[in-house]
């Protein structure tokens, strides 16, 4: 799990902090590229879908953490 006591010890799902951070960085880069190539509506829709998928996997509601009205977040 992210921010576990050891970056080299996998959590219950087998993911290390290092792997989670690498995946998050890749997602961020892909979202940045998509933002440059997409309409505002298409990009917002994609971010909402990503938030929902992340929430389904983690149980965290990223929509409430990073709302569409928060210009400083996304």
PDB file of N, CA and C in Angstrom:
ATOM      1  N   UNK A   1       0.850  -1.180   0.000  1.00  0.00           N
ATOM      2  CA  UNK A   1       0.000   0.000   0.000  1.00  0.00           C
ATOM      3  C   UNK A   1       0.889   1.234   0.000  1.00  0.00           C
ATOM      4  N   UNK A   2       0.421   2.276  -0.627  1.00  0.00           N
ATOM      5  CA  UNK A   2       1.161   3.522  -0.699  1.00  0.00           C
ATOM      6  C   UNK A   2       1.505   4.001   0.703  1.00  0.00           C
ATOM      7  N   UNK A   3       2.732   4.440   0.851  1.00  0.00           N
ATOM      8  CA  UNK A   3       3.256   4.937   2.118  1.00  0.00           C
ATOM      9  C   UNK A   3       3.345   3.846   3.178  1.00  0.00           C
ATOM     10  N   UNK A   4       3.601   2.637   2.757  1.00  0.00           N
ATOM     11  CA  UNK A   4       3.804   1.568   3.725  1.00  0.00           C
ATOM     12  C   UNK A   4       5.153   1.769   4.406  1.00  0.00           C
ATOM     13  N   UNK A   5       5.462   0.921   5.366  1.00  0.00           N
ATOM     14  CA  UNK A   5       6.694   1.096   6.123  1.00  0.00           C
ATOM     15  C   UNK A   5       7.930   0.766   5.307  1.00  0.00           C
ATOM     16  N   UNK A   6       7.779  -0.003   4.269  1.00  0.00           N
ATOM     17  CA  UNK A   6       8.933  -0.355   3.448  1.00  0.00           C
ATOM     18  C   UNK A   6       8.555  -0.318   1.984  1.00  0.00           C
ATOM     19  N   UNK A   7       9.320   0.421   1.189  1.00  0.00           N
ATOM     20  CA  UNK A   7       9.034   0.520  -0.235  1.00  0.00           C
ATOM     21  C   UNK A   7       9.296  -0.789  -0.962  1.00  0.00           C
ATOM     22  N   UNK A   8      10.054  -1.679  -0.387  1.00  0.00           N
ATOM     23  CA  UNK A   8      10.401  -2.915  -1.067  1.00  0.00           C
ATOM     24  C   UNK A   8       9.505  -4.077  -0.700  1.00  0.00           C
ATOM     25  N   UNK A   9       8.720  -3.958   0.339  1.00  0.00           N
ATOM     26  CA  UNK A   9       7.825  -5.033   0.748  1.00  0.00           C
ATOM     27  C   UNK A   9       6.457  -4.812   0.129  1.00  0.00           C
ATOM     28  N   UNK A  10       5.993  -5.771  -0.645  1.00  0.00           N
ATOM     29  CA  UNK A  10       4.687  -5.606  -1.271  1.00  0.00           C
ATOM     30  C   UNK A  10       3.560  -5.632  -0.249  1.00  0.00           C
ATOM     31  N   UNK A  11       2.473  -4.929  -0.582  1.00  0.00           N
ATOM     32  CA  UNK A  11       1.310  -4.968   0.290  1.00  0.00           C
ATOM     33  C   UNK A  11       0.522  -6.247  -0.005  1.00  0.00           C
ATOM     34  N   UNK A  12      -0.674  -6.340   0.526  1.00  0.00           N
ATOM     35  CA  UNK A  12      -1.467  -7.560   0.362  1.00  0.00           C
ATOM     36  C   UNK A  12      -1.797  -7.853  -1.093  1.00  0.00           C
ATOM     37  N   UNK A  13      -1.813  -6.849  -1.941  1.00  0.00           N
ATOM     38  CA  UNK A  13      -2.091  -7.044  -3.358  1.00  0.00           C
ATOM     39  C   UNK A  13      -0.821  -7.289  -4.162  1.00  0.00           C
ATOM     40  N   UNK A  14       0.330  -7.240  -3.519  1.00  0.00           N
ATOM     41  CA  UNK A  14       1.590  -7.466  -4.207  1.00  0.00           C
ATOM     42  C   UNK A  14       2.211  -6.212  -4.798  1.00  0.00           C
ATOM     43  N   UNK A  15       1.632  -5.058  -4.550  1.00  0.00           N
ATOM     44  CA  UNK A  15       2.156  -3.808  -5.104  1.00  0.00           C
ATOM     45  C   UNK A  15       3.094  -3.145  -4.100  1.00  0.00           C
ATOM     46  N   UNK A  16       4.228  -2.676  -4.575  1.00  0.00           N
ATOM     47  CA  UNK A  16       5.140  -1.925  -3.718  1.00  0.00           C
ATOM     48  C   UNK A  16       4.843  -0.442  -3.877  1.00  0.00           C
ATOM     49  N   UNK A  17       5.300   0.340  -2.911  1.00  0.00           N
ATOM     50  CA  UNK A  17       5.143   1.787  -3.017  1.00  0.00           C
ATOM     51  C   UNK A  17       5.760   2.288  -4.316  1.00  0.00           C
ATOM     52  N   UNK A  18       6.918   1.749  -4.639  1.00  0.00           N
ATOM     53  CA  UNK A  18       7.625   2.164  -5.853  1.00  0.00           C
ATOM     54  C   UNK A  18       6.777   1.897  -7.099  1.00  0.00           C
ATOM     55  N   UNK A  19       6.134   0.741  -7.168  1.00  0.00           N
ATOM     56  CA  UNK A  19       5.300   0.397  -8.320  1.00  0.00           C
ATOM     57  C   UNK A  19       4.053   1.284  -8.383  1.00  0.00           C
ATOM     58  N   UNK A  20       3.466   1.557  -7.220  1.00  0.00           N
ATOM     59  CA  UNK A  20       2.276   2.418  -7.173  1.00  0.00           C
ATOM     60  C   UNK A  20       2.622   3.832  -7.626  1.00  0.00           C
ATOM     61  N   UNK A  21       3.740   4.342  -7.136  1.00  0.00           N
ATOM     62  CA  UNK A  21       4.160   5.693  -7.532  1.00  0.00           C
ATOM     63  C   UNK A  21       4.491   5.762  -9.016  1.00  0.00           C
ATOM     64  N   UNK A  22       5.113   4.729  -9.555  1.00  0.00           N
ATOM     65  CA  UNK A  22       5.435   4.695 -10.990  1.00  0.00           C
ATOM     66  C   UNK A  22       4.149   4.679 -11.819  1.00  0.00           C
ATOM     67  N   UNK A  23       3.166   3.908 -11.383  1.00  0.00           N
ATOM     68  CA  UNK A  23       1.890   3.848 -12.104  1.00  0.00           C
ATOM     69  C   UNK A  23       1.171   5.193 -12.032  1.00  0.00           C
ATOM     70  N   UNK A  24       1.218   5.845 -10.878  1.00  0.00           N
ATOM     71  CA  UNK A  24       0.587   7.155 -10.725  1.00  0.00           C
ATOM     72  C   UNK A  24       1.270   8.193 -11.608  1.00  0.00           C
ATOM     73  N   UNK A  25       2.584   8.128 -11.681  1.00  0.00           N
ATOM     74  CA  UNK A  25       3.326   9.066 -12.535  1.00  0.00           C
ATOM     75  C   UNK A  25       2.968   8.859 -14.011  1.00  0.00           C
ATOM     76  N   UNK A  26       2.879   7.613 -14.419  1.00  0.00           N
ATOM     77  CA  UNK A  26       2.504   7.309 -15.803  1.00  0.00           C
ATOM     78  C   UNK A  26       1.097   7.810 -16.104  1.00  0.00           C
ATOM     79  N   UNK A  27       0.172   7.571 -15.185  1.00  0.00           N
ATOM     80  CA  UNK A  27      -1.195   8.063 -15.373  1.00  0.00           C
ATOM     81  C   UNK A  27      -1.203   9.578 -15.495  1.00  0.00           C
ATOM     82  N   UNK A  28      -0.448  10.265 -14.646  1.00  0.00           N
ATOM     83  CA  UNK A  28      -0.372  11.726 -14.706  1.00  0.00           C
ATOM     84  C   UNK A  28       0.154  12.224 -16.037  1.00  0.00           C
ATOM     85  N   UNK A  29       1.179  11.558 -16.544  1.00  0.00           N
ATOM     86  CA  UNK A  29       1.738  11.951 -17.845  1.00  0.00           C
ATOM     87  C   UNK A  29       0.733  11.725 -18.968  1.00  0.00           C
ATOM     88  N   UNK A  30       0.022  10.603 -18.911  1.00  0.00           N
ATOM     89  CA  UNK A  30      -0.973  10.311 -19.939  1.00  0.00           C
ATOM     90  C   UNK A  30      -2.146  11.277 -19.873  1.00  0.00           C
ATOM     91  N   UNK A  31      -2.551  11.645 -18.664  1.00  0.00           N
ATOM     92  CA  UNK A  31      -3.636  12.623 -18.525  1.00  0.00           C
ATOM     93  C   UNK A  31      -3.201  14.001 -19.022  1.00  0.00           C
ATOM     94  N   UNK A  32      -1.961  14.388 -18.753  1.00  0.00           N
ATOM     95  CA  UNK A  32      -1.458  15.676 -19.244  1.00  0.00           C
ATOM     96  C   UNK A  32      -1.460  15.708 -20.771  1.00  0.00           C
ATOM     97  N   UNK A  33      -1.032  14.622 -21.397  1.00  0.00           N
ATOM     98  CA  UNK A  33      -1.031  14.550 -22.856  1.00  0.00           C
ATOM     99  C   UNK A  33      -2.462  14.582 -23.397  1.00  0.00           C
ATOM    100  N   UNK A  34      -3.358  13.865 -22.732  1.00  0.00           N
ATOM    101  CA  UNK A  34      -4.757  13.836 -23.173  1.00  0.00           C
ATOM    102  C   UNK A  34      -5.401  15.213 -23.035  1.00  0.00           C
ATOM    103  N   UNK A  35      -5.027  15.951 -21.992  1.00  0.00           N
ATOM    104  CA  UNK A  35      -5.592  17.290 -21.790  1.00  0.00           C
ATOM    105  C   UNK A  35      -5.214  18.205 -22.956  1.00  0.00           C
ATOM    106  N   UNK A  36      -3.978  18.069 -23.422  1.00  0.00           N
ATOM    107  CA  UNK A  36      -3.514  18.889 -24.544  1.00  0.00           C
ATOM    108  C   UNK A  36      -4.202  18.515 -25.854  1.00  0.00           C
ATOM    109  N   UNK A  37      -4.637  17.255 -25.961  1.00  0.00           N
ATOM    110  CA  UNK A  37      -5.180  16.754 -27.225  1.00  0.00           C
ATOM    111  C   UNK A  37      -6.703  16.663 -27.245  1.00  0.00           C
ATOM    112  N   UNK A  38      -7.374  16.947 -26.142  1.00  0.00           N
ATOM    113  CA  UNK A  38      -8.813  16.737 -26.036  1.00  0.00           C
ATOM    114  C   UNK A  38      -9.546  18.050 -25.799  1.00  0.00           C
ATOM    115  N   UNK A  39     -10.844  18.030 -26.107  1.00  0.00           N
ATOM    116  CA  UNK A  39     -11.678  19.167 -25.743  1.00  0.00           C
ATOM    117  C   UNK A  39     -11.839  19.171 -24.221  1.00  0.00           C
ATOM    118  N   UNK A  40     -12.236  20.300 -23.679  1.00  0.00           N
ATOM    119  CA  UNK A  40     -12.416  20.393 -22.237  1.00  0.00           C
ATOM    120  C   UNK A  40     -13.450  19.385 -21.757  1.00  0.00           C
ATOM    121  N   UNK A  41     -14.543  19.248 -22.501  1.00  0.00           N
ATOM    122  CA  UNK A  41     -15.594  18.307 -22.128  1.00  0.00           C
ATOM    123  C   UNK A  41     -15.071  16.873 -22.130  1.00  0.00           C
ATOM    124  N   UNK A  42     -14.360  16.484 -23.191  1.00  0.00           N
ATOM    125  CA  UNK A  42     -13.837  15.118 -23.298  1.00  0.00           C
ATOM    126  C   UNK A  42     -12.837  14.833 -22.188  1.00  0.00           C
ATOM    127  N   UNK A  43     -11.974  15.799 -21.891  1.00  0.00           N
ATOM    128  CA  UNK A  43     -10.980  15.602 -20.841  1.00  0.00           C
ATOM    129  C   UNK A  43     -11.649  15.485 -19.475  1.00  0.00           C
ATOM    130  N   UNK A  44     -12.601  16.357 -19.185  1.00  0.00           N
ATOM    131  CA  UNK A  44     -13.304  16.300 -17.904  1.00  0.00           C
ATOM    132  C   UNK A  44     -14.027  14.969 -17.741  1.00  0.00           C
ATOM    133  N   UNK A  45     -14.637  14.501 -18.814  1.00  0.00           N
ATOM    134  CA  UNK A  45     -15.321  13.211 -18.775  1.00  0.00           C
ATOM    135  C   UNK A  45     -14.326  12.088 -18.476  1.00  0.00           C
ATOM    136  N   UNK A  46     -13.166  12.137 -19.122  1.00  0.00           N
ATOM    137  CA  UNK A  46     -12.144  11.117 -18.911  1.00  0.00           C
ATOM    138  C   UNK A  46     -11.646  11.138 -17.467  1.00  0.00           C
ATOM    139  N   UNK A  47     -11.409  12.321 -16.909  1.00  0.00           N
ATOM    140  CA  UNK A  47     -10.940  12.430 -15.526  1.00  0.00           C
ATOM    141  C   UNK A  47     -12.002  11.872 -14.575  1.00  0.00           C
ATOM    142  N   UNK A  48     -13.254  12.161 -14.835  1.00  0.00           N
ATOM    143  CA  UNK A  48     -14.325  11.637 -13.993  1.00  0.00           C
ATOM    144  C   UNK A  48     -14.360  10.111 -14.053  1.00  0.00           C
ATOM    145  N   UNK A  49     -14.159   9.540 -15.230  1.00  0.00           N
ATOM    146  CA  UNK A  49     -14.123   8.087 -15.367  1.00  0.00           C
ATOM    147  C   UNK A  49     -12.919   7.498 -14.636  1.00  0.00           C
ATOM    148  N   UNK A  50     -11.778   8.163 -14.729  1.00  0.00           N
ATOM    149  CA  UNK A  50     -10.583   7.712 -13.996  1.00  0.00           C
ATOM    150  C   UNK A  50     -10.838   7.762 -12.494  1.00  0.00           C
ATOM    151  N   UNK A  51     -11.427   8.857 -12.024  1.00  0.00           N
ATOM    152  CA  UNK A  51     -11.730   8.990 -10.602  1.00  0.00           C
ATOM    153  C   UNK A  51     -12.638   7.861 -10.132  1.00  0.00           C
ATOM    154  N   UNK A  52     -13.639   7.536 -10.943  1.00  0.00           N
ATOM    155  CA  UNK A  52     -14.565   6.468 -10.577  1.00  0.00           C
ATOM    156  C   UNK A  52     -13.843   5.117 -10.516  1.00  0.00           C
ATOM    157  N   UNK A  53     -12.996   4.849 -11.513  1.00  0.00           N
ATOM    158  CA  UNK A  53     -12.258   3.582 -11.525  1.00  0.00           C
ATOM    159  C   UNK A  53     -11.297   3.483 -10.343  1.00  0.00           C
ATOM    160  N   UNK A  54     -10.602   4.579 -10.039  1.00  0.00           N
ATOM    161  CA  UNK A  54      -9.689   4.597  -8.897  1.00  0.00           C
ATOM    162  C   UNK A  54     -10.484   4.386  -7.609  1.00  0.00           C
ATOM    163  N   UNK A  55     -11.613   5.051  -7.504  1.00  0.00           N
ATOM    164  CA  UNK A  55     -12.461   4.898  -6.322  1.00  0.00           C
ATOM    165  C   UNK A  55     -12.974   3.483  -6.152  1.00  0.00           C
ATOM    166  N   UNK A  56     -13.332   2.845  -7.257  1.00  0.00           N
ATOM    167  CA  UNK A  56     -13.792   1.456  -7.192  1.00  0.00           C
ATOM    168  C   UNK A  56     -12.692   0.537  -6.665  1.00  0.00           C
ATOM    169  N   UNK A  57     -11.463   0.812  -7.045  1.00  0.00           N
ATOM    170  CA  UNK A  57     -10.333  -0.027  -6.625  1.00  0.00           C
ATOM    171  C   UNK A  57      -9.865   0.271  -5.207  1.00  0.00           C
ATOM    172  N   UNK A  58      -9.890   1.551  -4.825  1.00  0.00           N
ATOM    173  CA  UNK A  58      -9.291   1.944  -3.545  1.00  0.00           C
ATOM    174  C   UNK A  58     -10.296   2.247  -2.444  1.00  0.00           C
ATOM    175  N   UNK A  59     -11.527   2.525  -2.830  1.00  0.00           N
ATOM    176  CA  UNK A  59     -12.520   2.925  -1.850  1.00  0.00           C
ATOM    177  C   UNK A  59     -12.449   4.403  -1.505  1.00  0.00           C
ATOM    178  N   UNK A  60     -11.601   5.156  -2.216  1.00  0.00           N
ATOM    179  CA  UNK A  60     -11.460   6.598  -1.992  1.00  0.00           C
ATOM    180  C   UNK A  60     -12.244   7.333  -3.068  1.00  0.00           C
ATOM    181  N   UNK A  61     -13.077   8.283  -2.665  1.00  0.00           N
ATOM    182  CA  UNK A  61     -13.863   9.069  -3.615  1.00  0.00           C
ATOM    183  C   UNK A  61     -13.040  10.277  -4.053  1.00  0.00           C
ATOM    184  N   UNK A  62     -12.272  10.093  -5.145  1.00  0.00           N
ATOM    185  CA  UNK A  62     -11.412  11.170  -5.622  1.00  0.00           C
ATOM    186  C   UNK A  62     -12.207  12.355  -6.151  1.00  0.00           C
ATOM    187  N   UNK A  63     -13.440  12.138  -6.551  1.00  0.00           N
ATOM    188  CA  UNK A  63     -14.287  13.242  -6.993  1.00  0.00           C
ATOM    189  C   UNK A  63     -14.523  14.248  -5.882  1.00  0.00           C
ATOM    190  N   UNK A  64     -14.645  13.764  -4.641  1.00  0.00           N
ATOM    191  CA  UNK A  64     -14.856  14.689  -3.532  1.00  0.00           C
ATOM    192  C   UNK A  64     -13.543  15.305  -3.055  1.00  0.00           C
ATOM    193  N   UNK A  65     -12.434  14.617  -3.297  1.00  0.00           N
ATOM    194  CA  UNK A  65     -11.128  15.150  -2.933  1.00  0.00           C
ATOM    195  C   UNK A  65     -10.668  16.175  -3.949  1.00  0.00           C
ATOM    196  N   UNK A  66     -10.893  15.887  -5.206  1.00  0.00           N
ATOM    197  CA  UNK A  66     -10.453  16.751  -6.301  1.00  0.00           C
ATOM    198  C   UNK A  66     -11.654  17.073  -7.173  1.00  0.00           C
ATOM    199  N   UNK A  67     -12.454  18.035  -6.739  1.00  0.00           N
ATOM    200  CA  UNK A  67     -13.681  18.373  -7.437  1.00  0.00           C
ATOM    201  C   UNK A  67     -13.437  19.142  -8.722  1.00  0.00           C
ATOM    202  N   UNK A  68     -14.410  19.111  -9.599  1.00  0.00           N
ATOM    203  CA  UNK A  68     -14.307  19.788 -10.891  1.00  0.00           C
ATOM    204  C   UNK A  68     -14.207  21.307 -10.731  1.00  0.00           C
ATOM    205  N   UNK A  69     -14.710  21.838  -9.618  1.00  0.00           N
ATOM    206  CA  UNK A  69     -14.678  23.282  -9.394  1.00  0.00           C
ATOM    207  C   UNK A  69     -13.362  23.750  -8.780  1.00  0.00           C
ATOM    208  N   UNK A  70     -12.449  22.837  -8.520  1.00  0.00           N
ATOM    209  CA  UNK A  70     -11.174  23.167  -7.873  1.00  0.00           C
ATOM    210  C   UNK A  70     -10.080  23.319  -8.946  1.00  0.00           C
ATOM    211  N   UNK A  71      -9.817  24.537  -9.371  1.00  0.00           N
ATOM    212  CA  UNK A  71      -8.845  24.777 -10.435  1.00  0.00           C
ATOM    213  C   UNK A  71      -7.423  24.411 -10.024  1.00  0.00           C
ATOM    214  N   UNK A  72      -7.120  24.412  -8.752  1.00  0.00           N
ATOM    215  CA  UNK A  72      -5.763  24.137  -8.309  1.00  0.00           C
ATOM    216  C   UNK A  72      -5.439  22.665  -8.170  1.00  0.00           C
ATOM    217  N   UNK A  73      -6.418  21.793  -8.342  1.00  0.00           N
ATOM    218  CA  UNK A  73      -6.188  20.380  -8.074  1.00  0.00           C
ATOM    219  C   UNK A  73      -5.780  19.621  -9.331  1.00  0.00           C
ATOM    220  N   UNK A  74      -6.579  19.663 -10.328  1.00  0.00           N
ATOM    221  CA  UNK A  74      -6.313  18.863 -11.523  1.00  0.00           C
ATOM    222  C   UNK A  74      -5.804  19.754 -12.585  1.00  0.00           C
TER     223      UNK A  74
END
